[in-house]
Amino acid sequence: IVQVLILRKKELDGQKSKLEQQAASLAQLEKEAGESDEKMNKAVENYRMCRQEAEKAERELNRNIAVSLASGLREGEPCPVCGSEHHPAPACHMEGVDFEALKKSAEETRKKLNDAEAALKDAEREALVANERLETCRQQYEQATKEFEQKKGEYEEARKKLPEKLRALEPEQMRN
């Protein structure tokens, strides 16, 4: 019985060590997953801002394209866009607007938007991987916990088979 008890104690100690390692891994992965989620949230916000800037630049550029087209309209002649021969409210030119600067700004904001989208996809992928690793570790931790509880039960059952005066001793003390 003492030999069985010593064996059960070693198994229990090994399982406890495994459980502690799993707990440390779980804590580290929870931290990493949280950081990945935060990075993704920042990437989402950056993407939204870049999209708004790009949309604004495109609207401004399009408005000025309309001004450029409207400058060539003549009553009774068809519009190159819609074909109408009547032009009741053509777009008006604004003083001090640099059309080339607007085009350049629209191109730059589109590039920033593309870069932000790529960064967002990378952050989403990183967060997905981190959360999958975390879930796998959680499952392993749950399994290690079950195994620990099983080994603990086996150890306790083996201790119950001992005479009462030996139950308070550790297995190593019983050899003496």
C-alpha atoms as a PDB file:
ATOM      1  CA  ILE A   1       0.000   0.000   0.000  1.00  0.00           C
ATOM      2  CA  VAL A   2       2.851   2.375   0.818  1.00  0.00           C
ATOM      3  CA  GLN A   3       4.424   1.787  -2.610  1.00  0.00           C
ATOM      4  CA  VAL A   4       1.088   2.546  -4.314  1.00  0.00           C
ATOM      5  CA  LEU A   5       0.724   5.661  -2.196  1.00  0.00           C
ATOM      6  CA  ILE A   6       4.227   6.828  -3.125  1.00  0.00           C
ATOM      7  CA  LEU A   7       3.424   6.255  -6.797  1.00  0.00           C
ATOM      8  CA  ARG A   8       0.122   8.169  -6.512  1.00  0.00           C
ATOM      9  CA  LYS A   9       1.914  11.031  -4.730  1.00  0.00           C
ATOM     10  CA  LYS A  10       4.491  11.273  -7.547  1.00  0.00           C
ATOM     11  CA  GLU A  11       1.722  11.268 -10.142  1.00  0.00           C
ATOM     12  CA  LEU A  12      -0.145  13.941  -8.198  1.00  0.00           C
ATOM     13  CA  ASP A  13       2.964  16.117  -7.870  1.00  0.00           C
ATOM     14  CA  GLY A  14       3.683  15.741 -11.600  1.00  0.00           C
ATOM     15  CA  GLN A  15       0.121  16.661 -12.472  1.00  0.00           C
ATOM     16  CA  LYS A  16       0.247  19.659 -10.127  1.00  0.00           C
ATOM     17  CA  SER A  17       3.427  20.867 -11.836  1.00  0.00           C
ATOM     18  CA  LYS A  18       1.792  20.437 -15.247  1.00  0.00           C
ATOM     19  CA  LEU A  19      -1.247  22.370 -14.055  1.00  0.00           C
ATOM     20  CA  GLU A  20       0.924  25.227 -12.774  1.00  0.00           C
ATOM     21  CA  GLN A  21       2.745  25.400 -16.122  1.00  0.00           C
ATOM     22  CA  GLN A  22      -0.590  25.445 -17.950  1.00  0.00           C
ATOM     23  CA  ALA A  23      -1.828  28.247 -15.691  1.00  0.00           C
ATOM     24  CA  ALA A  24       1.279  30.318 -16.468  1.00  0.00           C
ATOM     25  CA  SER A  25       0.876  29.695 -20.202  1.00  0.00           C
ATOM     26  CA  LEU A  26      -2.790  30.609 -19.986  1.00  0.00           C
ATOM     27  CA  ALA A  27      -2.023  33.884 -18.225  1.00  0.00           C
ATOM     28  CA  GLN A  28       0.611  34.778 -20.846  1.00  0.00           C
ATOM     29  CA  LEU A  29      -1.713  33.949 -23.742  1.00  0.00           C
ATOM     30  CA  GLU A  30      -4.543  35.947 -22.169  1.00  0.00           C
ATOM     31  CA  LYS A  31      -2.186  38.930 -22.029  1.00  0.00           C
ATOM     32  CA  GLU A  32      -1.092  38.435 -25.651  1.00  0.00           C
ATOM     33  CA  ALA A  33      -4.673  38.011 -26.869  1.00  0.00           C
ATOM     34  CA  GLY A  34      -5.685  41.191 -25.047  1.00  0.00           C
ATOM     35  CA  GLU A  35      -2.804  43.082 -26.649  1.00  0.00           C
ATOM     36  CA  SER A  36      -3.735  41.707 -30.080  1.00  0.00           C
ATOM     37  CA  ASP A  37      -7.362  42.721 -29.593  1.00  0.00           C
ATOM     38  CA  GLU A  38      -6.273  46.217 -28.555  1.00  0.00           C
ATOM     39  CA  LYS A  39      -4.012  46.480 -31.602  1.00  0.00           C
ATOM     40  CA  MET A  40      -6.910  45.396 -33.812  1.00  0.00           C
ATOM     41  CA  ASN A  41      -9.231  47.980 -32.235  1.00  0.00           C
ATOM     42  CA  LYS A  42      -6.673  50.708 -32.940  1.00  0.00           C
ATOM     43  CA  ALA A  43      -6.322  49.471 -36.524  1.00  0.00           C
ATOM     44  CA  VAL A  44     -10.120  49.581 -36.944  1.00  0.00           C
ATOM     45  CA  GLU A  45     -10.221  53.159 -35.679  1.00  0.00           C
ATOM     46  CA  ASN A  46      -7.320  54.187 -37.915  1.00  0.00           C
ATOM     47  CA  TYR A  47      -9.051  52.565 -40.905  1.00  0.00           C
ATOM     48  CA  ARG A  48     -12.284  54.473 -40.168  1.00  0.00           C
ATOM     49  CA  MET A  49     -10.416  57.776 -39.951  1.00  0.00           C
ATOM     50  CA  CYS A  50      -8.530  57.109 -43.186  1.00  0.00           C
ATOM     51  CA  ARG A  51     -11.753  56.107 -44.935  1.00  0.00           C
ATOM     52  CA  GLN A  52     -13.440  59.331 -43.837  1.00  0.00           C
ATOM     53  CA  GLU A  53     -10.466  61.388 -45.031  1.00  0.00           C
ATOM     54  CA  ALA A  54     -10.425  59.567 -48.377  1.00  0.00           C
ATOM     55  CA  GLU A  55     -14.173  60.042 -48.844  1.00  0.00           C
ATOM     56  CA  LYS A  56     -13.868  63.747 -48.043  1.00  0.00           C
ATOM     57  CA  ALA A  57     -10.974  64.183 -50.494  1.00  0.00           C
ATOM     58  CA  GLU A  58     -12.907  62.302 -53.187  1.00  0.00           C
ATOM     59  CA  ARG A  59     -15.997  64.454 -52.649  1.00  0.00           C
ATOM     60  CA  GLU A  60     -13.917  67.620 -52.936  1.00  0.00           C
ATOM     61  CA  LEU A  61     -12.199  66.344 -56.063  1.00  0.00           C
ATOM     62  CA  ASN A  62     -15.508  65.280 -57.633  1.00  0.00           C
ATOM     63  CA  ARG A  63     -17.070  68.641 -56.824  1.00  0.00           C
ATOM     64  CA  ASN A  64     -14.223  70.359 -58.603  1.00  0.00           C
ATOM     65  CA  ILE A  65     -14.469  67.987 -61.559  1.00  0.00           C
ATOM     66  CA  ALA A  66     -18.100  69.078 -61.790  1.00  0.00           C
ATOM     67  CA  VAL A  67     -16.949  72.708 -61.793  1.00  0.00           C
ATOM     68  CA  SER A  68     -14.523  71.899 -64.601  1.00  0.00           C
ATOM     69  CA  LEU A  69     -17.264  70.224 -66.660  1.00  0.00           C
ATOM     70  CA  ALA A  70     -19.771  72.987 -65.897  1.00  0.00           C
ATOM     71  CA  SER A  71     -17.417  75.646 -67.199  1.00  0.00           C
ATOM     72  CA  GLY A  72     -17.869  74.269 -70.717  1.00  0.00           C
ATOM     73  CA  LEU A  73     -21.674  74.070 -70.640  1.00  0.00           C
ATOM     74  CA  ARG A  74     -23.713  76.155 -73.142  1.00  0.00           C
ATOM     75  CA  GLU A  75     -27.471  76.521 -73.015  1.00  0.00           C
ATOM     76  CA  GLY A  76     -29.002  74.427 -75.766  1.00  0.00           C
ATOM     77  CA  GLU A  77     -25.928  72.170 -76.076  1.00  0.00           C
ATOM     78  CA  PRO A  78     -25.952  68.697 -74.438  1.00  0.00           C
ATOM     79  CA  CYS A  79     -24.157  68.110 -71.139  1.00  0.00           C
ATOM     80  CA  PRO A  80     -21.235  65.634 -71.569  1.00  0.00           C
ATOM     81  CA  VAL A  81     -22.387  63.806 -68.405  1.00  0.00           C
ATOM     82  CA  CYS A  82     -26.185  63.603 -68.587  1.00  0.00           C
ATOM     83  CA  GLY A  83     -27.017  64.862 -72.103  1.00  0.00           C
ATOM     84  CA  SER A  84     -29.452  67.540 -70.969  1.00  0.00           C
ATOM     85  CA  GLU A  85     -29.597  70.695 -73.081  1.00  0.00           C
ATOM     86  CA  HIS A  86     -30.775  72.781 -70.123  1.00  0.00           C
ATOM     87  CA  HIS A  87     -28.392  73.668 -67.308  1.00  0.00           C
ATOM     88  CA  PRO A  88     -30.370  75.361 -64.503  1.00  0.00           C
ATOM     89  CA  ALA A  89     -27.779  74.992 -61.675  1.00  0.00           C
ATOM     90  CA  PRO A  90     -24.236  74.345 -62.933  1.00  0.00           C
ATOM     91  CA  ALA A  91     -21.469  73.871 -60.363  1.00  0.00           C
ATOM     92  CA  CYS A  92     -19.641  77.112 -59.560  1.00  0.00           C
ATOM     93  CA  HIS A  93     -15.876  77.593 -59.410  1.00  0.00           C
ATOM     94  CA  MET A  94     -14.385  78.522 -56.073  1.00  0.00           C
ATOM     95  CA  GLU A  95     -11.502  80.967 -55.999  1.00  0.00           C
ATOM     96  CA  GLY A  96      -8.155  79.684 -54.797  1.00  0.00           C
ATOM     97  CA  VAL A  97      -8.857  75.982 -55.457  1.00  0.00           C
ATOM     98  CA  ASP A  98      -5.851  74.089 -56.851  1.00  0.00           C
ATOM     99  CA  PHE A  99      -7.276  71.150 -58.810  1.00  0.00           C
ATOM    100  CA  GLU A 100      -3.890  69.364 -59.043  1.00  0.00           C
ATOM    101  CA  ALA A 101      -3.442  69.653 -55.268  1.00  0.00           C
ATOM    102  CA  LEU A 102      -6.910  68.146 -54.809  1.00  0.00           C
ATOM    103  CA  LYS A 103      -6.002  65.224 -57.091  1.00  0.00           C
ATOM    104  CA  LYS A 104      -2.750  64.674 -55.192  1.00  0.00           C
ATOM    105  CA  SER A 105      -4.569  64.832 -51.846  1.00  0.00           C
ATOM    106  CA  ALA A 106      -7.154  62.295 -53.039  1.00  0.00           C
ATOM    107  CA  GLU A 107      -4.380  59.957 -54.206  1.00  0.00           C
ATOM    108  CA  GLU A 108      -2.514  60.283 -50.908  1.00  0.00           C
ATOM    109  CA  THR A 109      -5.624  59.608 -48.840  1.00  0.00           C
ATOM    110  CA  ARG A 110      -6.428  56.551 -51.000  1.00  0.00           C
ATOM    111  CA  LYS A 111      -2.899  55.254 -50.366  1.00  0.00           C
ATOM    112  CA  LYS A 112      -3.251  55.860 -46.617  1.00  0.00           C
ATOM    113  CA  LEU A 113      -6.598  54.047 -46.730  1.00  0.00           C
ATOM    114  CA  ASN A 114      -5.033  51.070 -48.532  1.00  0.00           C
ATOM    115  CA  ASP A 115      -2.208  50.967 -45.987  1.00  0.00           C
ATOM    116  CA  ALA A 116      -4.700  51.175 -43.113  1.00  0.00           C
ATOM    117  CA  GLU A 117      -6.756  48.365 -44.634  1.00  0.00           C
ATOM    118  CA  ALA A 118      -3.659  46.157 -44.944  1.00  0.00           C
ATOM    119  CA  ALA A 119      -2.708  46.929 -41.325  1.00  0.00           C
ATOM    120  CA  LEU A 120      -6.249  46.114 -40.215  1.00  0.00           C
ATOM    121  CA  LYS A 121      -6.185  42.760 -42.000  1.00  0.00           C
ATOM    122  CA  ASP A 122      -2.834  41.944 -40.369  1.00  0.00           C
ATOM    123  CA  ALA A 123      -4.158  42.940 -36.930  1.00  0.00           C
ATOM    124  CA  GLU A 124      -7.327  40.880 -37.435  1.00  0.00           C
ATOM    125  CA  ARG A 125      -5.273  37.858 -38.476  1.00  0.00           C
ATOM    126  CA  GLU A 126      -2.934  38.299 -35.483  1.00  0.00           C
ATOM    127  CA  ALA A 127      -5.875  38.622 -33.089  1.00  0.00           C
ATOM    128  CA  LEU A 128      -7.548  35.550 -34.568  1.00  0.00           C
ATOM    129  CA  VAL A 129      -4.385  33.467 -34.128  1.00  0.00           C
ATOM    130  CA  ALA A 130      -3.849  34.757 -30.573  1.00  0.00           C
ATOM    131  CA  ASN A 131      -7.433  33.985 -29.598  1.00  0.00           C
ATOM    132  CA  GLU A 132      -7.251  30.507 -31.145  1.00  0.00           C
ATOM    133  CA  ARG A 133      -4.041  29.811 -29.214  1.00  0.00           C
ATOM    134  CA  LEU A 134      -5.730  31.083 -26.059  1.00  0.00           C
ATOM    135  CA  GLU A 135      -8.745  28.825 -26.582  1.00  0.00           C
ATOM    136  CA  THR A 136      -6.498  25.808 -27.175  1.00  0.00           C
ATOM    137  CA  CYS A 137      -4.570  26.600 -23.993  1.00  0.00           C
ATOM    138  CA  ARG A 138      -7.821  26.966 -22.031  1.00  0.00           C
ATOM    139  CA  GLN A 139      -8.915  23.531 -23.192  1.00  0.00           C
ATOM    140  CA  GLN A 140      -5.534  22.077 -22.224  1.00  0.00           C
ATOM    141  CA  TYR A 141      -5.778  23.774 -18.827  1.00  0.00           C
ATOM    142  CA  GLU A 142      -9.259  22.329 -18.278  1.00  0.00           C
ATOM    143  CA  GLN A 143      -7.958  18.883 -19.237  1.00  0.00           C
ATOM    144  CA  ALA A 144      -4.962  19.250 -16.901  1.00  0.00           C
ATOM    145  CA  THR A 145      -7.318  20.324 -14.107  1.00  0.00           C
ATOM    146  CA  LYS A 146      -9.476  17.233 -14.636  1.00  0.00           C
ATOM    147  CA  GLU A 147      -6.417  15.002 -14.638  1.00  0.00           C
ATOM    148  CA  PHE A 148      -5.136  16.669 -11.467  1.00  0.00           C
ATOM    149  CA  GLU A 149      -8.476  16.142  -9.731  1.00  0.00           C
ATOM    150  CA  GLN A 150      -8.482  12.510 -10.847  1.00  0.00           C
ATOM    151  CA  LYS A 151      -4.951  11.925  -9.537  1.00  0.00           C
ATOM    152  CA  LYS A 152      -5.843  13.714  -6.309  1.00  0.00           C
ATOM    153  CA  GLY A 153      -8.862  11.424  -5.896  1.00  0.00           C
ATOM    154  CA  GLU A 154      -6.746   8.331  -6.528  1.00  0.00           C
ATOM    155  CA  TYR A 155      -4.200   9.549  -4.002  1.00  0.00           C
ATOM    156  CA  GLU A 156      -6.883  10.223  -1.382  1.00  0.00           C
ATOM    157  CA  GLU A 157      -8.430   6.803  -2.000  1.00  0.00           C
ATOM    158  CA  ALA A 158      -5.045   5.154  -1.498  1.00  0.00           C
ATOM    159  CA  ARG A 159      -4.546   7.120   1.769  1.00  0.00           C
ATOM    160  CA  LYS A 160      -7.917   5.904   3.068  1.00  0.00           C
ATOM    161  CA  LYS A 161      -6.690   2.320   2.838  1.00  0.00           C
ATOM    162  CA  LEU A 162      -3.922   3.059   5.343  1.00  0.00           C
ATOM    163  CA  PRO A 163      -4.294   2.449   9.044  1.00  0.00           C
ATOM    164  CA  GLU A 164      -5.542   5.621  10.750  1.00  0.00           C
ATOM    165  CA  LYS A 165      -2.278   6.410  12.543  1.00  0.00           C
ATOM    166  CA  LEU A 166      -0.384   6.460   9.206  1.00  0.00           C
ATOM    167  CA  ARG A 167      -2.840   8.697   7.313  1.00  0.00           C
ATOM    168  CA  ALA A 168      -1.374  11.913   8.699  1.00  0.00           C
ATOM    169  CA  LEU A 169       2.132  11.010   7.488  1.00  0.00           C
ATOM    170  CA  GLU A 170       3.549  11.786   4.071  1.00  0.00           C
ATOM    171  CA  PRO A 171       4.430   8.687   2.016  1.00  0.00           C
ATOM    172  CA  GLU A 172       8.160   9.344   2.374  1.00  0.00           C
ATOM    173  CA  GLN A 173       7.813   9.329   6.186  1.00  0.00           C
ATOM    174  CA  MET A 174       6.121   5.924   6.137  1.00  0.00           C
ATOM    175  CA  ARG A 175       9.252   4.163   4.920  1.00  0.00           C
ATOM    176  CA  ASN A 176      11.117   4.934   8.144  1.00  0.00           C
END
